[in-house]
Protein backbone atom coordinates (compact mmCIF):
# COMPACT_ATOMS: atom_id res chain seq x y z
CA UNK A 1 0.05 -0.05 0.02
CA UNK A 2 1.18 3.42 -0.75
CA UNK A 3 -0.77 6.27 1.18
CA UNK A 4 -0.59 9.59 2.72
CA UNK A 5 -0.09 8.36 6.38
CA UNK A 6 3.13 6.47 5.73
CA UNK A 7 4.90 9.28 3.51
CA UNK A 8 7.08 11.55 5.47
CA UNK A 9 8.87 13.67 2.75
CA UNK A 10 9.03 16.64 4.93
CA UNK A 11 6.37 18.28 7.08
CA UNK A 12 3.95 21.07 6.46
CA UNK A 13 4.72 22.21 10.04
CA UNK A 14 3.07 24.75 12.29
CA UNK A 15 5.63 24.97 15.19
CA UNK A 16 5.00 27.35 17.92
CA UNK A 17 6.47 28.56 21.09
CA UNK A 18 4.82 27.29 24.25
CA UNK A 19 3.12 30.75 25.05
CA UNK A 20 -0.64 31.92 25.52
CA UNK A 21 -0.33 33.20 21.95
CA UNK A 22 0.03 29.56 20.37
CA UNK A 23 -3.67 29.25 19.36
CA UNK A 24 -3.52 32.50 17.80
CA UNK A 25 -0.55 31.66 15.77
CA UNK A 26 -2.15 28.48 14.64
CA UNK A 27 -5.36 30.19 13.77
CA UNK A 28 -3.46 32.51 11.49
CA UNK A 29 -1.20 29.76 9.82
CA UNK A 30 -3.82 27.08 9.23
CA UNK A 31 -5.95 28.64 6.57
CA UNK A 32 -2.91 29.77 4.64
CA UNK A 33 -1.52 26.50 4.72
CA UNK A 34 -4.70 24.93 3.54
CA UNK A 35 -4.80 27.43 0.65
CA UNK A 36 -1.47 27.02 -0.61
CA UNK A 37 -0.37 23.56 0.58
CA UNK A 38 -3.38 21.35 1.19
CA UNK A 39 -1.45 18.17 0.59
CA UNK A 40 2.03 17.94 1.94
CA UNK A 41 3.17 15.34 -0.71
CA UNK A 42 2.61 17.97 -3.48
CA UNK A 43 3.31 21.42 -2.04
CA UNK A 44 5.99 22.96 0.35
CA UNK A 45 4.80 25.09 3.44
CA UNK A 46 7.05 24.65 6.39
CA UNK A 47 6.73 27.52 8.66
CA UNK A 48 7.64 27.99 12.35
CA UNK A 49 6.72 31.06 14.62
CA UNK A 50 8.38 32.01 17.81
CA UNK A 51 7.98 35.02 20.05
CA UNK A 52 10.91 36.57 21.81
CA UNK A 53 9.56 39.34 24.00
CA UNK A 54 8.02 41.82 21.56
CA UNK A 55 9.84 40.27 18.51
CA UNK A 56 7.80 37.76 16.46
CA UNK A 57 10.16 35.44 14.37
CA UNK A 58 8.62 33.80 11.27
CA UNK A 59 10.76 31.20 9.83
CA UNK A 60 10.55 28.57 7.22
CA UNK A 61 10.24 27.43 3.57
CA UNK A 62 7.40 27.92 1.12
CA UNK A 63 7.18 27.34 -2.77
CA UNK A 64 4.97 30.26 -3.46
CA UNK A 65 5.89 33.87 -2.97
CA UNK A 66 2.33 34.68 -2.40
CA UNK A 67 2.11 32.15 0.27
CA UNK A 68 5.00 34.09 2.15
CA UNK A 69 3.18 37.63 1.41
CA UNK A 70 0.02 36.31 3.05
CA UNK A 71 1.65 34.72 6.15
CA UNK A 72 3.67 38.06 6.81
CA UNK A 73 0.49 40.32 5.98
CA UNK A 74 -1.49 38.37 8.43
CA UNK A 75 1.04 38.66 11.30
CA UNK A 76 1.53 42.20 10.59
CA UNK A 77 -2.06 42.96 11.46
CA UNK A 78 -1.42 41.80 15.15
CA UNK A 79 2.24 42.48 15.62
CA UNK A 80 4.40 45.51 14.98
CA UNK A 81 7.81 43.97 15.18
CA UNK A 82 8.43 41.04 12.96
CA UNK A 83 11.55 39.26 11.92
CA UNK A 84 10.89 37.72 8.32
CA UNK A 85 13.03 34.54 7.92
CA UNK A 86 10.80 32.68 5.38
CA UNK A 87 12.64 31.56 2.18
CA UNK A 88 10.73 31.23 -0.87
CA UNK A 89 12.20 28.22 -2.81
CA UNK A 90 13.77 27.26 -5.19
CA UNK A 91 16.98 27.79 -3.22
CA UNK A 92 19.13 30.65 -4.54
CA UNK A 93 22.26 28.56 -4.42
CA UNK A 94 20.65 26.38 -7.35
CA UNK A 95 21.07 29.67 -9.68
CA UNK A 96 18.97 29.23 -12.89
CA UNK A 97 19.23 25.42 -12.99
CA UNK A 98 15.82 24.70 -11.11
CA UNK A 99 14.72 21.76 -13.34
CA UNK A 100 16.41 18.21 -13.75
CA UNK A 101 16.10 15.46 -16.39
CA UNK A 102 16.48 11.95 -14.85
CA UNK A 103 19.30 9.93 -16.43
CA UNK A 104 18.84 6.49 -14.88
CA UNK A 105 16.19 4.00 -15.71
CA UNK A 106 14.60 4.59 -12.49
CA UNK A 107 15.55 7.33 -9.95
CA UNK A 108 14.41 6.75 -6.36
CA UNK A 109 12.70 9.62 -4.41
CA UNK A 110 13.48 9.33 -0.79
CA UNK A 111 11.40 10.77 2.17
CA UNK A 112 14.54 12.52 3.45
CA UNK A 113 18.14 13.18 1.83
CA UNK A 114 19.68 9.86 3.01
CA UNK A 115 20.31 6.71 1.17
CA UNK A 116 18.86 4.57 4.04
CA UNK A 117 15.47 6.66 4.02
CA UNK A 118 12.11 5.29 3.04
CA UNK A 119 11.53 5.07 -0.77
CA UNK A 120 8.51 7.46 -1.42
CA UNK A 121 8.32 7.28 -4.97
CA UNK A 122 10.15 6.79 -8.41
CA UNK A 123 10.88 8.93 -11.52
CA UNK A 124 11.68 7.32 -14.84
CA UNK A 125 14.42 8.33 -17.36
CA UNK A 126 14.01 11.32 -19.39
CA UNK A 127 11.28 12.78 -17.33
CA UNK A 128 11.48 16.30 -16.09
CA UNK A 129 11.46 17.30 -12.48
CA UNK A 130 11.41 20.56 -10.72
CA UNK A 131 14.22 21.19 -8.36
CA UNK A 132 13.63 23.02 -5.13
CA UNK A 133 16.68 22.67 -3.00
CA UNK A 134 19.81 20.55 -2.58
CA UNK A 135 21.10 18.97 0.64
CA UNK A 136 23.67 16.42 1.40
CA UNK A 137 24.12 15.33 -2.18
CA UNK A 138 20.35 15.14 -3.00
CA UNK A 139 17.73 17.53 -4.57
CA UNK A 140 14.40 18.04 -3.28
CA UNK A 141 12.60 17.30 -6.55
CA UNK A 142 9.07 17.48 -7.72
CA UNK A 143 8.04 14.74 -10.38
CA UNK A 144 5.54 15.21 -13.22
CA UNK A 145 2.69 14.03 -10.96
CA UNK A 146 3.70 16.80 -8.53
CA UNK A 147 4.99 14.21 -5.99
CA UNK A 148 7.93 15.59 -3.81
CA UNK A 149 10.89 13.69 -2.81
CA UNK A 150 14.84 13.65 -2.50
CA UNK A 151 16.69 12.32 -5.40
CA UNK A 152 20.33 11.51 -5.59
CA UNK A 153 22.00 14.54 -7.30
CA UNK A 154 24.02 12.20 -9.66
CA UNK A 155 20.87 10.64 -11.05
CA UNK A 156 19.49 13.74 -12.62
CA UNK A 157 21.07 16.47 -14.95
CA UNK A 158 20.23 20.10 -13.55
CA UNK A 159 19.06 22.25 -16.24
CA UNK A 160 17.82 25.84 -16.87
CA UNK A 161 14.20 26.54 -17.75
CA UNK A 162 15.27 27.22 -21.36
CA UNK A 163 17.10 23.97 -21.43
CA UNK A 164 14.07 22.32 -20.03
CA UNK A 165 11.73 23.71 -22.59
CA UNK A 166 14.24 22.52 -25.22
CA UNK A 167 14.16 19.04 -24.04
CA UNK A 168 10.40 19.07 -23.85
CA UNK A 169 10.25 20.40 -27.58
CA UNK A 170 12.84 17.84 -28.81
CA UNK A 171 11.62 15.00 -30.81
CA UNK A 172 11.54 12.21 -28.58
CA UNK A 173 10.51 8.41 -28.08
CA UNK A 174 8.31 6.96 -25.44
CA UNK A 175 9.62 3.30 -24.29
CA UNK A 176 6.77 0.95 -24.62
CA UNK A 177 8.71 -2.31 -23.87
CA UNK A 178 8.50 -3.40 -20.25
CA UNK A 179 12.24 -3.54 -19.79
CA UNK A 180 15.41 -3.58 -22.09
CA UNK A 181 18.86 -2.24 -22.61
CA UNK A 182 19.99 0.69 -24.65
CA UNK A 183 22.79 -0.85 -26.76
CA UNK A 184 26.07 0.67 -27.54
CA UNK A 185 25.69 -0.66 -31.03
CA UNK A 186 22.53 -1.66 -33.26
CA UNK A 187 22.92 -5.35 -32.35
CA UNK A 188 21.46 -7.59 -29.64
CA UNK A 189 24.93 -8.72 -28.41
CA UNK A 190 26.42 -5.20 -28.09
CA UNK A 191 27.14 -3.94 -24.56
CA UNK A 192 24.63 -1.94 -22.76
CA UNK A 193 24.91 1.83 -22.49
CA UNK A 194 22.19 1.61 -19.79
CA UNK A 195 19.07 -0.32 -18.94
CA UNK A 196 15.50 1.14 -19.55
CA UNK A 197 11.97 0.36 -18.36
CA UNK A 198 8.64 0.99 -19.93
CA UNK A 199 7.60 4.67 -19.74
CA UNK A 200 11.16 5.97 -20.08
CA UNK A 201 11.67 8.96 -22.54
CA UNK A 202 14.70 9.24 -24.80
CA UNK A 203 15.72 11.67 -27.60
CA UNK A 204 15.18 10.37 -31.06
CA UNK A 205 18.14 10.28 -33.36
CA UNK A 206 16.49 8.45 -36.10
CA UNK A 207 15.84 5.01 -37.24
CA UNK A 208 18.81 2.81 -38.50
CA UNK A 209 17.28 -0.43 -40.11
CA UNK A 210 15.41 -2.25 -37.39
CA UNK A 211 17.00 -0.04 -34.54
CA UNK A 212 16.26 3.47 -33.21
CA UNK A 213 19.19 5.46 -32.22
CA UNK A 214 18.65 7.62 -29.13
CA UNK A 215 20.38 9.80 -26.79
CA UNK A 216 20.07 10.65 -23.10
CA UNK A 217 20.01 13.99 -21.59
CA UNK A 218 23.50 13.64 -20.50
CA UNK A 219 24.75 13.18 -23.99
CA UNK A 220 25.23 9.30 -24.04
CA UNK A 221 23.84 7.70 -27.26
CA UNK A 222 22.78 4.19 -28.00
CA UNK A 223 20.47 1.99 -29.66
CA UNK A 224 17.04 0.38 -28.94
CA UNK A 225 14.96 -2.00 -31.33
CA UNK A 226 12.43 0.21 -33.15
CA UNK A 227 9.57 -1.96 -32.03
CA UNK A 228 10.25 -1.02 -28.37
CA UNK A 229 9.50 2.60 -28.74
CA UNK A 230 6.74 5.03 -30.15
CA UNK A 231 7.04 8.51 -30.97
CA UNK A 232 6.41 10.46 -27.65
CA UNK A 233 4.12 13.03 -29.40
CA UNK A 234 1.72 10.04 -29.79
CA UNK A 235 1.63 9.47 -26.06
CA UNK A 236 -1.81 10.76 -24.73
CA UNK A 237 -3.03 11.56 -28.21
CA UNK A 238 -3.01 8.34 -30.37
CA UNK A 239 -2.26 6.12 -27.48
CA UNK A 240 -5.29 5.81 -25.20
CA UNK A 241 -6.13 3.59 -22.11
CA UNK A 242 -8.58 1.13 -23.77
CA UNK A 243 -9.99 -1.65 -21.44
CA UNK A 244 -8.45 -4.63 -23.07
CA UNK A 245 -4.99 -2.92 -23.25
CA UNK A 246 -5.23 -2.15 -19.55
CA UNK A 247 -5.83 -5.76 -18.89
CA UNK A 248 -3.03 -6.76 -21.24
CA UNK A 249 -0.50 -4.49 -19.71
CA UNK A 250 -1.41 -5.52 -16.00
CA UNK A 251 -1.13 -9.22 -16.89
CA UNK A 252 2.32 -8.75 -18.53
CA UNK A 253 3.48 -7.31 -15.03
CA UNK A 254 2.20 -10.69 -13.33
CA UNK A 255 4.61 -11.80 -10.60
CA UNK A 256 6.45 -8.45 -10.44
CA UNK A 257 7.56 -8.07 -6.78
CA UNK A 258 5.84 -5.58 -4.50
CA UNK A 259 8.09 -2.62 -3.66
CA UNK A 260 7.11 0.03 -1.24
CA UNK A 261 7.53 3.32 -3.32
CA UNK A 262 7.87 1.44 -6.45
CA UNK A 263 6.67 2.92 -9.59
CA UNK A 264 8.36 1.03 -12.44
CA UNK A 265 8.27 -2.41 -14.04
CA UNK A 266 11.15 -3.40 -11.78
CA UNK A 267 8.96 -3.24 -8.82
CA UNK A 268 5.57 -1.59 -7.66
CA UNK A 269 3.47 -0.89 -4.64
CA UNK A 270 -0.31 -1.07 -5.17
CA UNK A 271 -0.88 2.63 -6.70
CA UNK A 272 2.54 2.24 -8.42
CA UNK A 273 1.15 -0.64 -10.23
CA UNK A 274 -2.07 1.04 -11.30
CA UNK A 275 0.00 4.13 -12.17
CA UNK A 276 2.46 2.32 -14.39
CA UNK A 277 -0.11 0.21 -16.27
CA UNK A 278 -2.05 3.45 -17.14
CA UNK A 279 1.27 5.43 -17.97
CA UNK A 280 1.99 2.68 -20.60
CA UNK A 281 -1.42 3.33 -21.95
CA UNK A 282 -1.22 7.11 -22.33
CA UNK A 283 -2.68 8.35 -19.01
CA UNK A 284 -1.03 9.83 -16.09
CA UNK A 285 -2.49 8.85 -12.53
CA UNK A 286 -1.85 10.61 -9.32
CA UNK A 287 0.84 8.83 -7.23
CA UNK A 288 -1.11 7.50 -4.14
CA UNK A 289 -4.10 5.28 -3.74
CA UNK A 290 -6.10 8.10 -1.99
CA UNK A 291 -4.97 10.59 -4.68
CA UNK A 292 -6.06 8.28 -7.35
CA UNK A 293 -9.36 7.79 -5.59
CA UNK A 294 -10.21 11.44 -6.57
CA UNK A 295 -9.64 11.01 -10.21
CA UNK A 296 -12.15 9.97 -12.83
CA UNK A 297 -15.90 9.58 -11.90
CA UNK A 298 -17.42 7.51 -9.05
CA UNK A 299 -19.20 4.25 -10.05
CA UNK A 300 -21.62 2.50 -7.94
CA UNK A 301 -20.58 -1.18 -8.13
CA UNK A 302 -23.79 -2.95 -7.54
CA UNK A 303 -24.30 -5.85 -5.11
CA UNK A 304 -22.09 -8.22 -7.20
CA UNK A 305 -19.97 -5.65 -8.82
CA UNK A 306 -22.13 -5.85 -12.02
CA UNK A 307 -21.75 -2.26 -12.75
CA UNK A 308 -18.01 -2.32 -13.16
CA UNK A 309 -16.29 -2.28 -16.26
CA UNK A 310 -12.91 -3.70 -17.18
CA UNK A 311 -10.24 -0.94 -16.20
CA UNK A 312 -11.99 0.59 -13.36
CA UNK A 313 -10.06 1.38 -10.43
CA UNK A 314 -11.32 -0.21 -7.09
CA UNK A 315 -10.22 0.99 -3.74
CA UNK A 316 -9.90 -0.67 -0.42
CA UNK A 317 -9.25 0.59 3.20
CA UNK A 318 -11.43 1.63 6.22
CA UNK A 319 -14.69 3.16 5.87
CA UNK A 320 -15.35 6.61 7.63
CA UNK A 321 -17.83 7.00 10.33
CA UNK A 322 -18.79 9.79 12.96
CA UNK A 323 -15.68 8.67 15.08
CA UNK A 324 -12.87 8.28 12.43
CA UNK A 325 -12.33 9.34 8.68
CA UNK A 326 -12.21 7.25 5.74
CA UNK A 327 -8.87 5.81 4.92
CA UNK A 328 -7.77 4.45 1.37
CA UNK A 329 -4.94 1.80 1.87
CA UNK A 330 -5.11 -0.05 -1.41
CA UNK A 331 -6.02 0.13 -5.07
CA UNK A 332 -6.48 -2.45 -7.87
CA UNK A 333 -7.68 -2.75 -11.49
CA UNK A 334 -11.13 -4.41 -12.17
CA UNK A 335 -11.10 -7.06 -14.79
CA UNK A 336 -14.63 -8.23 -15.02
CA UNK A 337 -16.22 -11.36 -13.85
CA UNK A 338 -15.69 -10.26 -10.19
CA UNK A 339 -11.91 -10.46 -10.72
CA UNK A 340 -9.17 -7.84 -10.11
CA UNK A 341 -5.46 -7.44 -10.62
CA UNK A 342 -3.34 -5.75 -7.88
CA UNK A 343 0.18 -5.45 -6.20
CA UNK A 344 0.11 -7.02 -2.83
CA UNK A 345 3.36 -9.10 -2.13
CA UNK A 346 3.45 -9.46 -5.93
CA UNK A 347 1.25 -8.57 -8.90
CA UNK A 348 -1.59 -11.09 -9.18
CA UNK A 349 -5.27 -11.64 -9.72
CA UNK A 350 -7.88 -12.02 -7.12
CA UNK A 351 -11.75 -12.59 -7.17
CA UNK A 352 -14.41 -11.17 -5.12
CA UNK A 353 -16.50 -14.40 -5.63
CA UNK A 354 -16.50 -16.78 -2.64
CA UNK A 355 -16.62 -19.79 -5.04
CA UNK A 356 -13.46 -19.01 -6.94
CA UNK A 357 -9.97 -20.62 -5.96
CA UNK A 358 -8.57 -17.09 -5.97
CA UNK A 359 -11.30 -15.59 -3.58
CA UNK A 360 -9.79 -12.61 -1.53
CA UNK A 361 -12.25 -12.35 1.48
CA UNK A 362 -9.90 -9.78 3.29
CA UNK A 363 -10.17 -7.45 0.31
CA UNK A 364 -13.83 -8.11 -0.13
CA UNK A 365 -14.31 -7.01 3.37
CA UNK A 366 -12.48 -3.86 3.21
CA UNK A 367 -13.68 -2.70 -0.33
CA UNK A 368 -14.72 0.98 -0.30
CA UNK A 369 -15.42 2.30 -3.73
CA UNK A 370 -14.62 2.28 -7.52
CA UNK A 371 -13.67 5.08 -10.06
CA UNK A 372 -13.89 5.09 -13.69
CA UNK A 373 -10.75 6.74 -15.27
CA UNK A 374 -10.90 5.48 -18.89
CA UNK A 375 -12.12 8.25 -20.92
CA UNK A 376 -15.52 7.74 -22.96
CA UNK A 377 -15.40 7.17 -26.72
CA UNK A 378 -16.76 10.62 -27.03
CA UNK A 379 -14.00 12.07 -25.18
CA UNK A 380 -11.34 10.09 -27.07
CA UNK A 381 -12.86 11.48 -30.42
CA UNK A 382 -12.62 15.07 -28.94
CA UNK A 383 -9.01 14.65 -28.08
CA UNK A 384 -8.12 13.05 -31.46
CA UNK A 385 -9.60 16.01 -33.34
CA UNK A 386 -7.90 18.73 -31.31
């Protein structure tokens, strides 16, 4: 499972001195935090407030200058002497290089800048990330799905906004093979330049026979079988998440081991699995299960799941009531006939049918709801004509 409660990237903190003013500070900061950083996984708002006699010290980091302005304006209404120590990221020491391009097949995003830290998520080769600051050999980076985490600084190439735009506009290929090697020469027994996983993005240097020459953001070049790639411009336009293709992709990942924080074909957690399957079919899902539970449209499953369609996302966890909130802890993909595919210990298929040999009683009991994220045919036609 991959959920909010177990991800500690950095805190959206409200830290106060133990004074009678604590409640007042909190009441000022909380609505501003809610406005600019409602989800700590996707926004930076870490502010501490301390009172030293008549001086109010406001310190921390935010990713939005207006958030800082609102904090300072709110406190200036009540206090005349304020020390402003809020830094608006990106960190000034980064200079103009506030973007990064991943140069390994799978870059790990840690919860804190340490090799032993929890794996929070991953970013695939060739994807652009936003860089916010650097510490202890790691960048605090934000992935295309807006997720935040610490990436080894040697796994990304820092670039300027202009260089990032150039990479975005370059002719590129999208890797549709689940796993392969970029070869040093256009032949199967050539030594690898690097490995590559499905969903990676590489610069297109042209076709050579049955091979495609590519280049990485750091200048390395190599070759992939042309059948393993498609034009990146076709991703999300000509490549759409059709139900049968979602099932096929999911089944090709059967047996891939569960990996907390994993979002690649090398290893996946539950939401990493659904995210990878849909990425390989032209749709970007949010990172975590409870974030994915807000995408698409709600579907009433029916007493025996008869209203669900192949490709619907199904969510599990704890139902909310008057004493406790709902908690989404798991997600899978519905396949039809009361069967679903999900990552739990490994990618496998389970069933809601008590008579089935793969009956999953535990998940049946904790099923919460379903969402339909596959666009309708009319929506696909609309995209195609744009």
